[in-house]
């Protein structure tokens, strides 16, 4: 057998063992052998997820100083801080696959890497913060809970804490809308307007329909994903259609109707033209969001440089045996 033939047989054996481990609900860890396509798929998905958490801080961060009470400011500040933490966990998980964090950030800033289309819509008033918590984080939870059983260990473990925090975010958003729904007519109208604007973009968060989803089938075979886009979208619509009744408000879909035969809600057509327009960089806030991220990165350069300098200085002290002692003059410069 030629060297090429032997390599092909060995490769096939490794792929068979890899798939068998996944089929048996085993976890793939960073040092395990994995197909290059599996690694690249994870880098793309985890990177996009991390970018979404970081960019997702912007629509809400804009309202921290304008929240209607000190309590609301503190809650929103904590939520935005959670999102930063989620991004950190996810970038760290991606790095276990051999990708550099700086490279991922560069790809985000250049527009090469994607993030969730939902974060390219504006937050016009306080009710939008409630709608984001209830609808956007609600959709995120349905997407992310299955990821706690993802076949890649570091990603799955990162998702456990993220999902717990996202469930708090959803309740926080629903509570904002609930208070508004019980308020003055102007407050109810503001809540309804926010739902009208955020509902359909939230439905689109699950990605293109299964027929148009390029990566879904393979990702499900590898158990990176556990459910298809359309399955998760249906669960979301079923959930929101019931929860909105508590608010006494409505969903902006005249075709939304319970189908007893299917055991699910039927719903109207999704505007996929709008979805792809936003994904391709032409949404209401695409350019604004990227400019804000690039500016924050550039403005924070001195912090990263200072952190590196401090780490290097600490390493020199440790190597010279001065750890925990006053810094010698010759090392302080």
C-alpha atoms as a PDB file:
ATOM      1  CA  UNK A   1       0.000   0.000   0.000  1.00  0.00           C
ATOM      2  CA  UNK A   2       1.317   3.434  -0.904  1.00  0.00           C
ATOM      3  CA  UNK A   3       1.947   6.105   1.689  1.00  0.00           C
ATOM      4  CA  UNK A   4      -1.021   8.026   0.303  1.00  0.00           C
ATOM      5  CA  UNK A   5      -3.273   4.989   0.645  1.00  0.00           C
ATOM      6  CA  UNK A   6      -2.093   4.285   4.178  1.00  0.00           C
ATOM      7  CA  UNK A   7      -2.699   7.908   5.156  1.00  0.00           C
ATOM      8  CA  UNK A   8      -6.216   7.742   3.699  1.00  0.00           C
ATOM      9  CA  UNK A   9      -7.038   4.596   5.680  1.00  0.00           C
ATOM     10  CA  UNK A  10      -5.669   6.120   8.898  1.00  0.00           C
ATOM     11  CA  UNK A  11      -7.634   9.323   8.289  1.00  0.00           C
ATOM     12  CA  UNK A  12     -10.817   7.345   7.725  1.00  0.00           C
ATOM     13  CA  UNK A  13     -10.225   5.420  10.949  1.00  0.00           C
ATOM     14  CA  UNK A  14      -9.738   8.624  12.935  1.00  0.00           C
ATOM     15  CA  UNK A  15     -12.895  10.154  11.472  1.00  0.00           C
ATOM     16  CA  UNK A  16     -14.858   6.976  12.284  1.00  0.00           C
ATOM     17  CA  UNK A  17     -13.621   7.028  15.901  1.00  0.00           C
ATOM     18  CA  UNK A  18     -14.401  10.733  16.162  1.00  0.00           C
ATOM     19  CA  UNK A  19     -17.967  10.292  14.899  1.00  0.00           C
ATOM     20  CA  UNK A  20     -18.506   7.215  17.081  1.00  0.00           C
ATOM     21  CA  UNK A  21     -17.536   9.224  20.163  1.00  0.00           C
ATOM     22  CA  UNK A  22     -20.004  11.963  19.214  1.00  0.00           C
ATOM     23  CA  UNK A  23     -22.767   9.450  18.483  1.00  0.00           C
ATOM     24  CA  UNK A  24     -22.193   7.985  21.956  1.00  0.00           C
ATOM     25  CA  UNK A  25     -22.689  11.484  23.456  1.00  0.00           C
ATOM     26  CA  UNK A  26     -19.006  11.825  24.270  1.00  0.00           C
ATOM     27  CA  UNK A  27     -17.300  15.217  24.481  1.00  0.00           C
ATOM     28  CA  UNK A  28     -14.517  16.328  22.177  1.00  0.00           C
ATOM     29  CA  UNK A  29     -11.770  18.146  24.089  1.00  0.00           C
ATOM     30  CA  UNK A  30      -9.087  20.526  22.750  1.00  0.00           C
ATOM     31  CA  UNK A  31      -6.308  17.906  22.640  1.00  0.00           C
ATOM     32  CA  UNK A  32      -8.474  15.279  20.952  1.00  0.00           C
ATOM     33  CA  UNK A  33      -8.140  14.598  17.241  1.00  0.00           C
ATOM     34  CA  UNK A  34     -10.860  16.328  15.222  1.00  0.00           C
ATOM     35  CA  UNK A  35     -11.536  16.888  11.499  1.00  0.00           C
ATOM     36  CA  UNK A  36     -10.339  20.251  10.256  1.00  0.00           C
ATOM     37  CA  UNK A  37     -13.866  21.031   9.054  1.00  0.00           C
ATOM     38  CA  UNK A  38     -15.220  20.455  12.584  1.00  0.00           C
ATOM     39  CA  UNK A  39     -12.605  22.818  14.013  1.00  0.00           C
ATOM     40  CA  UNK A  40     -13.348  25.510  11.430  1.00  0.00           C
ATOM     41  CA  UNK A  41     -17.100  25.180  11.951  1.00  0.00           C
ATOM     42  CA  UNK A  42     -16.666  25.672  15.690  1.00  0.00           C
ATOM     43  CA  UNK A  43     -14.355  28.667  15.228  1.00  0.00           C
ATOM     44  CA  UNK A  44     -16.918  30.283  12.932  1.00  0.00           C
ATOM     45  CA  UNK A  45     -19.869  29.584  15.232  1.00  0.00           C
ATOM     46  CA  UNK A  46     -18.191  30.374  18.569  1.00  0.00           C
ATOM     47  CA  UNK A  47     -16.571  33.476  17.077  1.00  0.00           C
ATOM     48  CA  UNK A  48     -19.903  34.715  15.730  1.00  0.00           C
ATOM     49  CA  UNK A  49     -21.481  34.001  19.110  1.00  0.00           C
ATOM     50  CA  UNK A  50     -18.739  35.910  20.960  1.00  0.00           C
ATOM     51  CA  UNK A  51     -18.985  38.862  18.577  1.00  0.00           C
ATOM     52  CA  UNK A  52     -22.759  38.938  19.105  1.00  0.00           C
ATOM     53  CA  UNK A  53     -22.338  39.190  22.866  1.00  0.00           C
ATOM     54  CA  UNK A  54     -19.864  42.068  22.540  1.00  0.00           C
ATOM     55  CA  UNK A  55     -21.771  44.012  19.883  1.00  0.00           C
ATOM     56  CA  UNK A  56     -24.962  43.243  21.782  1.00  0.00           C
ATOM     57  CA  UNK A  57     -23.754  45.451  24.629  1.00  0.00           C
ATOM     58  CA  UNK A  58     -24.152  48.548  22.456  1.00  0.00           C
ATOM     59  CA  UNK A  59     -27.956  48.881  21.984  1.00  0.00           C
ATOM     60  CA  UNK A  60     -28.548  48.552  25.739  1.00  0.00           C
ATOM     61  CA  UNK A  61     -25.436  50.328  26.970  1.00  0.00           C
ATOM     62  CA  UNK A  62     -26.842  53.392  25.273  1.00  0.00           C
ATOM     63  CA  UNK A  63     -29.659  53.434  27.878  1.00  0.00           C
ATOM     64  CA  UNK A  64     -27.741  52.897  31.139  1.00  0.00           C
ATOM     65  CA  UNK A  65     -27.575  56.615  31.957  1.00  0.00           C
ATOM     66  CA  UNK A  66     -31.166  57.173  30.790  1.00  0.00           C
ATOM     67  CA  UNK A  67     -32.879  54.346  32.689  1.00  0.00           C
ATOM     68  CA  UNK A  68     -35.879  55.692  34.655  1.00  0.00           C
ATOM     69  CA  UNK A  69     -34.578  54.892  38.155  1.00  0.00           C
ATOM     70  CA  UNK A  70     -31.413  54.056  40.051  1.00  0.00           C
ATOM     71  CA  UNK A  71     -32.650  50.467  40.391  1.00  0.00           C
ATOM     72  CA  UNK A  72     -33.159  50.192  36.635  1.00  0.00           C
ATOM     73  CA  UNK A  73     -29.717  51.657  35.989  1.00  0.00           C
ATOM     74  CA  UNK A  74     -28.067  49.120  38.303  1.00  0.00           C
ATOM     75  CA  UNK A  75     -29.938  46.185  36.753  1.00  0.00           C
ATOM     76  CA  UNK A  76     -29.133  47.250  33.194  1.00  0.00           C
ATOM     77  CA  UNK A  77     -25.492  47.891  34.091  1.00  0.00           C
ATOM     78  CA  UNK A  78     -25.260  44.384  35.538  1.00  0.00           C
ATOM     79  CA  UNK A  79     -26.847  42.932  32.423  1.00  0.00           C
ATOM     80  CA  UNK A  80     -24.450  44.693  30.045  1.00  0.00           C
ATOM     81  CA  UNK A  81     -21.564  43.547  32.223  1.00  0.00           C
ATOM     82  CA  UNK A  82     -22.865  39.972  31.937  1.00  0.00           C
ATOM     83  CA  UNK A  83     -22.771  40.262  28.144  1.00  0.00           C
ATOM     84  CA  UNK A  84     -19.117  41.301  28.288  1.00  0.00           C
ATOM     85  CA  UNK A  85     -18.414  38.245  30.407  1.00  0.00           C
ATOM     86  CA  UNK A  86     -20.203  36.007  27.919  1.00  0.00           C
ATOM     87  CA  UNK A  87     -17.999  37.342  25.148  1.00  0.00           C
ATOM     88  CA  UNK A  88     -14.914  36.621  27.270  1.00  0.00           C
ATOM     89  CA  UNK A  89     -15.973  33.008  27.956  1.00  0.00           C
ATOM     90  CA  UNK A  90     -16.663  32.426  24.282  1.00  0.00           C
ATOM     91  CA  UNK A  91     -13.458  33.993  22.968  1.00  0.00           C
ATOM     92  CA  UNK A  92     -11.590  31.804  25.465  1.00  0.00           C
ATOM     93  CA  UNK A  93     -13.446  28.714  24.229  1.00  0.00           C
ATOM     94  CA  UNK A  94     -12.575  29.579  20.624  1.00  0.00           C
ATOM     95  CA  UNK A  95      -8.902  30.005  21.538  1.00  0.00           C
ATOM     96  CA  UNK A  96      -8.759  26.355  22.616  1.00  0.00           C
ATOM     97  CA  UNK A  97      -9.227  25.546  18.910  1.00  0.00           C
ATOM     98  CA  UNK A  98      -5.998  27.333  18.019  1.00  0.00           C
ATOM     99  CA  UNK A  99      -7.366  30.661  16.797  1.00  0.00           C
ATOM    100  CA  UNK A 100      -5.917  33.902  18.119  1.00  0.00           C
ATOM    101  CA  UNK A 101      -8.329  36.323  19.790  1.00  0.00           C
ATOM    102  CA  UNK A 102      -6.746  39.273  18.016  1.00  0.00           C
ATOM    103  CA  UNK A 103      -7.457  37.594  14.698  1.00  0.00           C
ATOM    104  CA  UNK A 104     -11.112  37.125  15.610  1.00  0.00           C
ATOM    105  CA  UNK A 105     -11.427  40.776  16.620  1.00  0.00           C
ATOM    106  CA  UNK A 106      -9.770  41.921  13.390  1.00  0.00           C
ATOM    107  CA  UNK A 107     -12.237  39.842  11.373  1.00  0.00           C
ATOM    108  CA  UNK A 108     -15.135  41.429  13.245  1.00  0.00           C
ATOM    109  CA  UNK A 109     -13.848  44.947  12.662  1.00  0.00           C
ATOM    110  CA  UNK A 110     -13.202  44.307   8.970  1.00  0.00           C
ATOM    111  CA  UNK A 111     -16.690  42.938   8.442  1.00  0.00           C
ATOM    112  CA  UNK A 112     -15.420  39.471   7.516  1.00  0.00           C
ATOM    113  CA  UNK A 113     -16.877  37.871  10.632  1.00  0.00           C
ATOM    114  CA  UNK A 114     -20.613  38.060  11.301  1.00  0.00           C
ATOM    115  CA  UNK A 115     -22.620  38.652  14.447  1.00  0.00           C
ATOM    116  CA  UNK A 116     -26.334  38.307  15.119  1.00  0.00           C
ATOM    117  CA  UNK A 117     -28.395  40.484  12.797  1.00  0.00           C
ATOM    118  CA  UNK A 118     -30.636  41.547  15.692  1.00  0.00           C
ATOM    119  CA  UNK A 119     -28.041  43.962  17.046  1.00  0.00           C
ATOM    120  CA  UNK A 120     -28.242  46.153  13.972  1.00  0.00           C
ATOM    121  CA  UNK A 121     -31.551  47.672  15.029  1.00  0.00           C
ATOM    122  CA  UNK A 122     -31.838  50.913  17.060  1.00  0.00           C
ATOM    123  CA  UNK A 123     -33.118  51.272  20.621  1.00  0.00           C
ATOM    124  CA  UNK A 124     -35.481  54.244  20.386  1.00  0.00           C
ATOM    125  CA  UNK A 125     -36.939  54.339  23.896  1.00  0.00           C
ATOM    126  CA  UNK A 126     -36.931  52.601  27.279  1.00  0.00           C
ATOM    127  CA  UNK A 127     -39.526  50.023  26.197  1.00  0.00           C
ATOM    128  CA  UNK A 128     -36.982  48.725  23.678  1.00  0.00           C
ATOM    129  CA  UNK A 129     -34.841  47.529  26.590  1.00  0.00           C
ATOM    130  CA  UNK A 130     -37.783  45.453  27.773  1.00  0.00           C
ATOM    131  CA  UNK A 131     -38.418  44.085  24.297  1.00  0.00           C
ATOM    132  CA  UNK A 132     -34.757  43.127  23.896  1.00  0.00           C
ATOM    133  CA  UNK A 133     -34.779  41.292  27.218  1.00  0.00           C
ATOM    134  CA  UNK A 134     -38.022  39.453  26.555  1.00  0.00           C
ATOM    135  CA  UNK A 135     -37.758  38.759  22.829  1.00  0.00           C
ATOM    136  CA  UNK A 136     -34.055  38.852  21.935  1.00  0.00           C
ATOM    137  CA  UNK A 137     -32.795  37.121  25.072  1.00  0.00           C
ATOM    138  CA  UNK A 138     -35.764  34.767  24.912  1.00  0.00           C
ATOM    139  CA  UNK A 139     -34.720  33.711  21.423  1.00  0.00           C
ATOM    140  CA  UNK A 140     -31.107  33.468  22.574  1.00  0.00           C
ATOM    141  CA  UNK A 141     -32.045  31.111  25.412  1.00  0.00           C
ATOM    142  CA  UNK A 142     -33.849  28.726  23.065  1.00  0.00           C
ATOM    143  CA  UNK A 143     -30.824  28.778  20.783  1.00  0.00           C
ATOM    144  CA  UNK A 144     -28.303  28.361  23.589  1.00  0.00           C
ATOM    145  CA  UNK A 145     -29.747  25.809  26.004  1.00  0.00           C
ATOM    146  CA  UNK A 146     -29.106  22.964  23.506  1.00  0.00           C
ATOM    147  CA  UNK A 147     -25.498  24.218  23.240  1.00  0.00           C
ATOM    148  CA  UNK A 148     -24.967  23.094  26.842  1.00  0.00           C
ATOM    149  CA  UNK A 149     -24.957  19.604  25.257  1.00  0.00           C
ATOM    150  CA  UNK A 150     -22.705  20.613  22.365  1.00  0.00           C
ATOM    151  CA  UNK A 151     -20.163  17.940  21.439  1.00  0.00           C
ATOM    152  CA  UNK A 152     -17.237  20.334  22.004  1.00  0.00           C
ATOM    153  CA  UNK A 153     -16.473  20.428  25.711  1.00  0.00           C
ATOM    154  CA  UNK A 154     -15.193  24.003  26.246  1.00  0.00           C
ATOM    155  CA  UNK A 155     -18.140  25.485  24.332  1.00  0.00           C
ATOM    156  CA  UNK A 156     -20.694  23.363  26.194  1.00  0.00           C
ATOM    157  CA  UNK A 157     -19.255  24.236  29.597  1.00  0.00           C
ATOM    158  CA  UNK A 158     -19.143  27.966  28.816  1.00  0.00           C
ATOM    159  CA  UNK A 159     -22.823  27.849  27.865  1.00  0.00           C
ATOM    160  CA  UNK A 160     -23.998  26.579  31.260  1.00  0.00           C
ATOM    161  CA  UNK A 161     -23.329  29.866  33.041  1.00  0.00           C
ATOM    162  CA  UNK A 162     -24.306  31.948  30.011  1.00  0.00           C
ATOM    163  CA  UNK A 163     -27.749  30.313  29.869  1.00  0.00           C
ATOM    164  CA  UNK A 164     -28.352  30.884  33.574  1.00  0.00           C
ATOM    165  CA  UNK A 165     -27.588  34.566  33.178  1.00  0.00           C
ATOM    166  CA  UNK A 166     -29.619  34.893  29.977  1.00  0.00           C
ATOM    167  CA  UNK A 167     -32.683  33.512  31.766  1.00  0.00           C
ATOM    168  CA  UNK A 168     -32.352  36.381  34.247  1.00  0.00           C
ATOM    169  CA  UNK A 169     -32.061  38.827  31.358  1.00  0.00           C
ATOM    170  CA  UNK A 170     -35.280  37.551  29.816  1.00  0.00           C
ATOM    171  CA  UNK A 171     -37.211  37.889  33.077  1.00  0.00           C
ATOM    172  CA  UNK A 172     -35.824  41.399  33.526  1.00  0.00           C
ATOM    173  CA  UNK A 173     -37.048  42.407  30.067  1.00  0.00           C
ATOM    174  CA  UNK A 174     -40.481  40.873  30.553  1.00  0.00           C
ATOM    175  CA  UNK A 175     -40.845  42.687  33.890  1.00  0.00           C
ATOM    176  CA  UNK A 176     -40.085  46.040  32.221  1.00  0.00           C
ATOM    177  CA  UNK A 177     -42.832  45.429  29.645  1.00  0.00           C
ATOM    178  CA  UNK A 178     -45.213  44.171  32.336  1.00  0.00           C
ATOM    179  CA  UNK A 179     -44.833  47.400  34.327  1.00  0.00           C
ATOM    180  CA  UNK A 180     -45.350  49.485  31.182  1.00  0.00           C
ATOM    181  CA  UNK A 181     -48.374  47.407  30.164  1.00  0.00           C
ATOM    182  CA  UNK A 182     -50.043  48.281  33.488  1.00  0.00           C
ATOM    183  CA  UNK A 183     -49.207  51.969  33.214  1.00  0.00           C
ATOM    184  CA  UNK A 184     -50.692  54.950  31.424  1.00  0.00           C
ATOM    185  CA  UNK A 185     -52.059  54.583  27.879  1.00  0.00           C
ATOM    186  CA  UNK A 186     -48.881  56.235  26.571  1.00  0.00           C
ATOM    187  CA  UNK A 187     -46.748  53.626  28.355  1.00  0.00           C
ATOM    188  CA  UNK A 188     -48.833  50.742  26.988  1.00  0.00           C
ATOM    189  CA  UNK A 189     -48.510  52.220  23.507  1.00  0.00           C
ATOM    190  CA  UNK A 190     -44.749  52.517  23.932  1.00  0.00           C
ATOM    191  CA  UNK A 191     -44.521  48.853  25.001  1.00  0.00           C
ATOM    192  CA  UNK A 192     -46.652  47.722  22.057  1.00  0.00           C
ATOM    193  CA  UNK A 193     -44.570  49.780  19.632  1.00  0.00           C
ATOM    194  CA  UNK A 194     -41.369  48.177  20.911  1.00  0.00           C
ATOM    195  CA  UNK A 195     -42.846  44.693  20.473  1.00  0.00           C
ATOM    196  CA  UNK A 196     -43.987  45.598  16.958  1.00  0.00           C
ATOM    197  CA  UNK A 197     -40.448  46.613  15.988  1.00  0.00           C
ATOM    198  CA  UNK A 198     -38.495  43.815  17.706  1.00  0.00           C
ATOM    199  CA  UNK A 199     -40.715  40.776  17.172  1.00  0.00           C
ATOM    200  CA  UNK A 200     -39.901  39.887  13.565  1.00  0.00           C
ATOM    201  CA  UNK A 201     -36.141  40.578  13.849  1.00  0.00           C
ATOM    202  CA  UNK A 202     -36.189  38.241  16.879  1.00  0.00           C
ATOM    203  CA  UNK A 203     -37.947  35.539  14.848  1.00  0.00           C
ATOM    204  CA  UNK A 204     -35.177  35.915  12.252  1.00  0.00           C
ATOM    205  CA  UNK A 205     -32.497  35.388  14.925  1.00  0.00           C
ATOM    206  CA  UNK A 206     -32.695  31.637  14.424  1.00  0.00           C
ATOM    207  CA  UNK A 207     -31.157  32.047  11.010  1.00  0.00           C
ATOM    208  CA  UNK A 208     -32.390  31.159   7.522  1.00  0.00           C
ATOM    209  CA  UNK A 209     -35.000  28.467   6.951  1.00  0.00           C
ATOM    210  CA  UNK A 210     -33.710  24.914   7.035  1.00  0.00           C
ATOM    211  CA  UNK A 211     -33.830  24.689   3.241  1.00  0.00           C
ATOM    212  CA  UNK A 212     -31.453  27.648   2.959  1.00  0.00           C
ATOM    213  CA  UNK A 213     -29.174  26.902   5.916  1.00  0.00           C
ATOM    214  CA  UNK A 214     -25.777  25.850   4.577  1.00  0.00           C
ATOM    215  CA  UNK A 215     -24.209  24.504   7.764  1.00  0.00           C
ATOM    216  CA  UNK A 216     -27.128  23.066   9.759  1.00  0.00           C
ATOM    217  CA  UNK A 217     -27.150  19.451   8.579  1.00  0.00           C
ATOM    218  CA  UNK A 218     -23.451  18.868   9.208  1.00  0.00           C
ATOM    219  CA  UNK A 219     -23.520  20.749  12.513  1.00  0.00           C
ATOM    220  CA  UNK A 220     -26.368  18.537  13.688  1.00  0.00           C
ATOM    221  CA  UNK A 221     -24.514  15.382  12.643  1.00  0.00           C
ATOM    222  CA  UNK A 222     -21.544  16.562  14.710  1.00  0.00           C
ATOM    223  CA  UNK A 223     -23.958  17.516  17.526  1.00  0.00           C
ATOM    224  CA  UNK A 224     -22.722  21.073  17.594  1.00  0.00           C
ATOM    225  CA  UNK A 225     -26.386  21.907  17.023  1.00  0.00           C
ATOM    226  CA  UNK A 226     -29.183  19.763  18.421  1.00  0.00           C
ATOM    227  CA  UNK A 227     -32.197  21.288  16.673  1.00  0.00           C
ATOM    228  CA  UNK A 228     -32.765  22.890  13.300  1.00  0.00           C
ATOM    229  CA  UNK A 229     -33.374  26.602  12.804  1.00  0.00           C
ATOM    230  CA  UNK A 230     -37.036  26.091  12.004  1.00  0.00           C
ATOM    231  CA  UNK A 231     -37.627  23.806  15.007  1.00  0.00           C
ATOM    232  CA  UNK A 232     -36.224  26.431  17.390  1.00  0.00           C
ATOM    233  CA  UNK A 233     -38.118  29.230  15.627  1.00  0.00           C
ATOM    234  CA  UNK A 234     -41.398  27.360  16.117  1.00  0.00           C
ATOM    235  CA  UNK A 235     -40.663  26.850  19.825  1.00  0.00           C
ATOM    236  CA  UNK A 236     -39.972  30.566  20.176  1.00  0.00           C
ATOM    237  CA  UNK A 237     -43.201  31.615  18.486  1.00  0.00           C
ATOM    238  CA  UNK A 238     -45.206  29.144  20.581  1.00  0.00           C
ATOM    239  CA  UNK A 239     -43.628  30.550  23.762  1.00  0.00           C
ATOM    240  CA  UNK A 240     -44.053  34.241  22.905  1.00  0.00           C
ATOM    241  CA  UNK A 241     -47.640  33.814  21.676  1.00  0.00           C
ATOM    242  CA  UNK A 242     -48.623  32.597  25.140  1.00  0.00           C
ATOM    243  CA  UNK A 243     -46.498  34.988  27.186  1.00  0.00           C
ATOM    244  CA  UNK A 244     -47.825  38.073  25.383  1.00  0.00           C
ATOM    245  CA  UNK A 245     -51.271  37.270  26.785  1.00  0.00           C
ATOM    246  CA  UNK A 246     -49.967  38.076  30.279  1.00  0.00           C
ATOM    247  CA  UNK A 247     -48.961  41.516  29.013  1.00  0.00           C
ATOM    248  CA  UNK A 248     -52.362  42.129  27.451  1.00  0.00           C
ATOM    249  CA  UNK A 249     -50.544  43.227  24.296  1.00  0.00           C
ATOM    250  CA  UNK A 250     -50.339  41.679  20.838  1.00  0.00           C
ATOM    251  CA  UNK A 251     -47.912  40.107  18.380  1.00  0.00           C
ATOM    252  CA  UNK A 252     -47.616  42.002  15.043  1.00  0.00           C
ATOM    253  CA  UNK A 253     -48.633  38.980  12.975  1.00  0.00           C
ATOM    254  CA  UNK A 254     -52.267  38.869  11.773  1.00  0.00           C
ATOM    255  CA  UNK A 255     -51.762  35.257  10.662  1.00  0.00           C
ATOM    256  CA  UNK A 256     -50.690  34.029  14.108  1.00  0.00           C
ATOM    257  CA  UNK A 257     -53.189  31.328  15.076  1.00  0.00           C
ATOM    258  CA  UNK A 258     -53.182  28.171  17.174  1.00  0.00           C
ATOM    259  CA  UNK A 259     -53.285  24.999  15.049  1.00  0.00           C
ATOM    260  CA  UNK A 260     -54.702  22.180  17.167  1.00  0.00           C
ATOM    261  CA  UNK A 261     -53.813  19.603  14.555  1.00  0.00           C
ATOM    262  CA  UNK A 262     -50.130  20.523  14.614  1.00  0.00           C
ATOM    263  CA  UNK A 263     -50.049  21.415  18.285  1.00  0.00           C
ATOM    264  CA  UNK A 264     -48.254  24.650  17.356  1.00  0.00           C
ATOM    265  CA  UNK A 265     -49.008  28.204  16.315  1.00  0.00           C
ATOM    266  CA  UNK A 266     -49.174  28.942  12.610  1.00  0.00           C
ATOM    267  CA  UNK A 267     -47.524  32.222  11.653  1.00  0.00           C
ATOM    268  CA  UNK A 268     -47.138  34.568   8.723  1.00  0.00           C
ATOM    269  CA  UNK A 269     -44.321  34.821   6.184  1.00  0.00           C
ATOM    270  CA  UNK A 270     -40.886  36.041   7.269  1.00  0.00           C
ATOM    271  CA  UNK A 271     -39.325  38.910   5.332  1.00  0.00           C
ATOM    272  CA  UNK A 272     -36.120  37.117   4.333  1.00  0.00           C
ATOM    273  CA  UNK A 273     -35.172  40.004   2.080  1.00  0.00           C
ATOM    274  CA  UNK A 274     -34.832  42.182   5.168  1.00  0.00           C
ATOM    275  CA  UNK A 275     -32.885  39.441   6.972  1.00  0.00           C
ATOM    276  CA  UNK A 276     -30.263  39.110   4.240  1.00  0.00           C
ATOM    277  CA  UNK A 277     -30.069  42.874   3.828  1.00  0.00           C
ATOM    278  CA  UNK A 278     -29.092  43.232   7.492  1.00  0.00           C
ATOM    279  CA  UNK A 279     -26.769  40.196   7.457  1.00  0.00           C
ATOM    280  CA  UNK A 280     -24.936  41.656   4.459  1.00  0.00           C
ATOM    281  CA  UNK A 281     -24.234  44.911   6.269  1.00  0.00           C
ATOM    282  CA  UNK A 282     -27.110  47.121   5.145  1.00  0.00           C
ATOM    283  CA  UNK A 283     -29.293  47.235   8.247  1.00  0.00           C
ATOM    284  CA  UNK A 284     -30.304  50.375  10.166  1.00  0.00           C
ATOM    285  CA  UNK A 285     -27.254  50.346  12.457  1.00  0.00           C
ATOM    286  CA  UNK A 286     -24.624  48.051  10.883  1.00  0.00           C
ATOM    287  CA  UNK A 287     -22.090  50.788  10.211  1.00  0.00           C
ATOM    288  CA  UNK A 288     -22.779  52.537  13.513  1.00  0.00           C
ATOM    289  CA  UNK A 289     -22.227  49.350  15.508  1.00  0.00           C
ATOM    290  CA  UNK A 290     -18.938  48.526  13.785  1.00  0.00           C
ATOM    291  CA  UNK A 291     -17.647  52.084  14.155  1.00  0.00           C
ATOM    292  CA  UNK A 292     -18.421  51.964  17.868  1.00  0.00           C
ATOM    293  CA  UNK A 293     -16.590  48.659  18.298  1.00  0.00           C
ATOM    294  CA  UNK A 294     -13.530  49.803  16.355  1.00  0.00           C
ATOM    295  CA  UNK A 295     -13.378  53.052  18.329  1.00  0.00           C
ATOM    296  CA  UNK A 296     -13.625  51.200  21.646  1.00  0.00           C
ATOM    297  CA  UNK A 297     -10.835  48.852  20.536  1.00  0.00           C
ATOM    298  CA  UNK A 298      -8.574  51.697  19.504  1.00  0.00           C
ATOM    299  CA  UNK A 299      -9.326  53.771  22.612  1.00  0.00           C
ATOM    300  CA  UNK A 300      -8.548  50.774  24.810  1.00  0.00           C
ATOM    301  CA  UNK A 301      -5.151  50.050  23.246  1.00  0.00           C
ATOM    302  CA  UNK A 302      -3.288  51.657  26.152  1.00  0.00           C
ATOM    303  CA  UNK A 303      -5.059  49.362  28.636  1.00  0.00           C
ATOM    304  CA  UNK A 304      -4.014  46.248  26.732  1.00  0.00           C
ATOM    305  CA  UNK A 305      -0.453  47.547  26.401  1.00  0.00           C
ATOM    306  CA  UNK A 306      -0.305  48.329  30.121  1.00  0.00           C
ATOM    307  CA  UNK A 307      -1.609  44.854  30.979  1.00  0.00           C
ATOM    308  CA  UNK A 308       1.058  43.220  28.823  1.00  0.00           C
ATOM    309  CA  UNK A 309       3.786  45.403  30.341  1.00  0.00           C
ATOM    310  CA  UNK A 310       2.606  44.527  33.851  1.00  0.00           C
ATOM    311  CA  UNK A 311       2.570  40.797  33.049  1.00  0.00           C
ATOM    312  CA  UNK A 312       6.081  40.988  31.605  1.00  0.00           C
ATOM    313  CA  UNK A 313       7.344  42.902  34.643  1.00  0.00           C
ATOM    314  CA  UNK A 314       5.770  40.367  36.992  1.00  0.00           C
ATOM    315  CA  UNK A 315       7.378  37.524  35.050  1.00  0.00           C
ATOM    316  CA  UNK A 316      10.801  39.200  35.321  1.00  0.00           C
ATOM    317  CA  UNK A 317      10.357  39.622  39.076  1.00  0.00           C
ATOM    318  CA  UNK A 318       9.367  35.999  39.492  1.00  0.00           C
ATOM    319  CA  UNK A 319      12.322  34.819  37.396  1.00  0.00           C
ATOM    320  CA  UNK A 320      14.701  36.952  39.462  1.00  0.00           C
ATOM    321  CA  UNK A 321      13.302  35.623  42.742  1.00  0.00           C
ATOM    322  CA  UNK A 322      11.709  38.901  43.847  1.00  0.00           C
ATOM    323  CA  UNK A 323       8.067  37.817  43.750  1.00  0.00           C
ATOM    324  CA  UNK A 324       6.093  39.425  46.584  1.00  0.00           C
ATOM    325  CA  UNK A 325       8.929  41.796  47.481  1.00  0.00           C
ATOM    326  CA  UNK A 326       9.434  45.502  46.727  1.00  0.00           C
ATOM    327  CA  UNK A 327      10.475  45.988  43.114  1.00  0.00           C
ATOM    328  CA  UNK A 328      14.271  46.367  42.787  1.00  0.00           C
ATOM    329  CA  UNK A 329      15.396  49.581  41.095  1.00  0.00           C
ATOM    330  CA  UNK A 330      16.967  47.766  38.152  1.00  0.00           C
ATOM    331  CA  UNK A 331      13.637  46.013  37.358  1.00  0.00           C
ATOM    332  CA  UNK A 332      11.342  48.993  37.907  1.00  0.00           C
ATOM    333  CA  UNK A 333      12.499  50.770  34.779  1.00  0.00           C
END
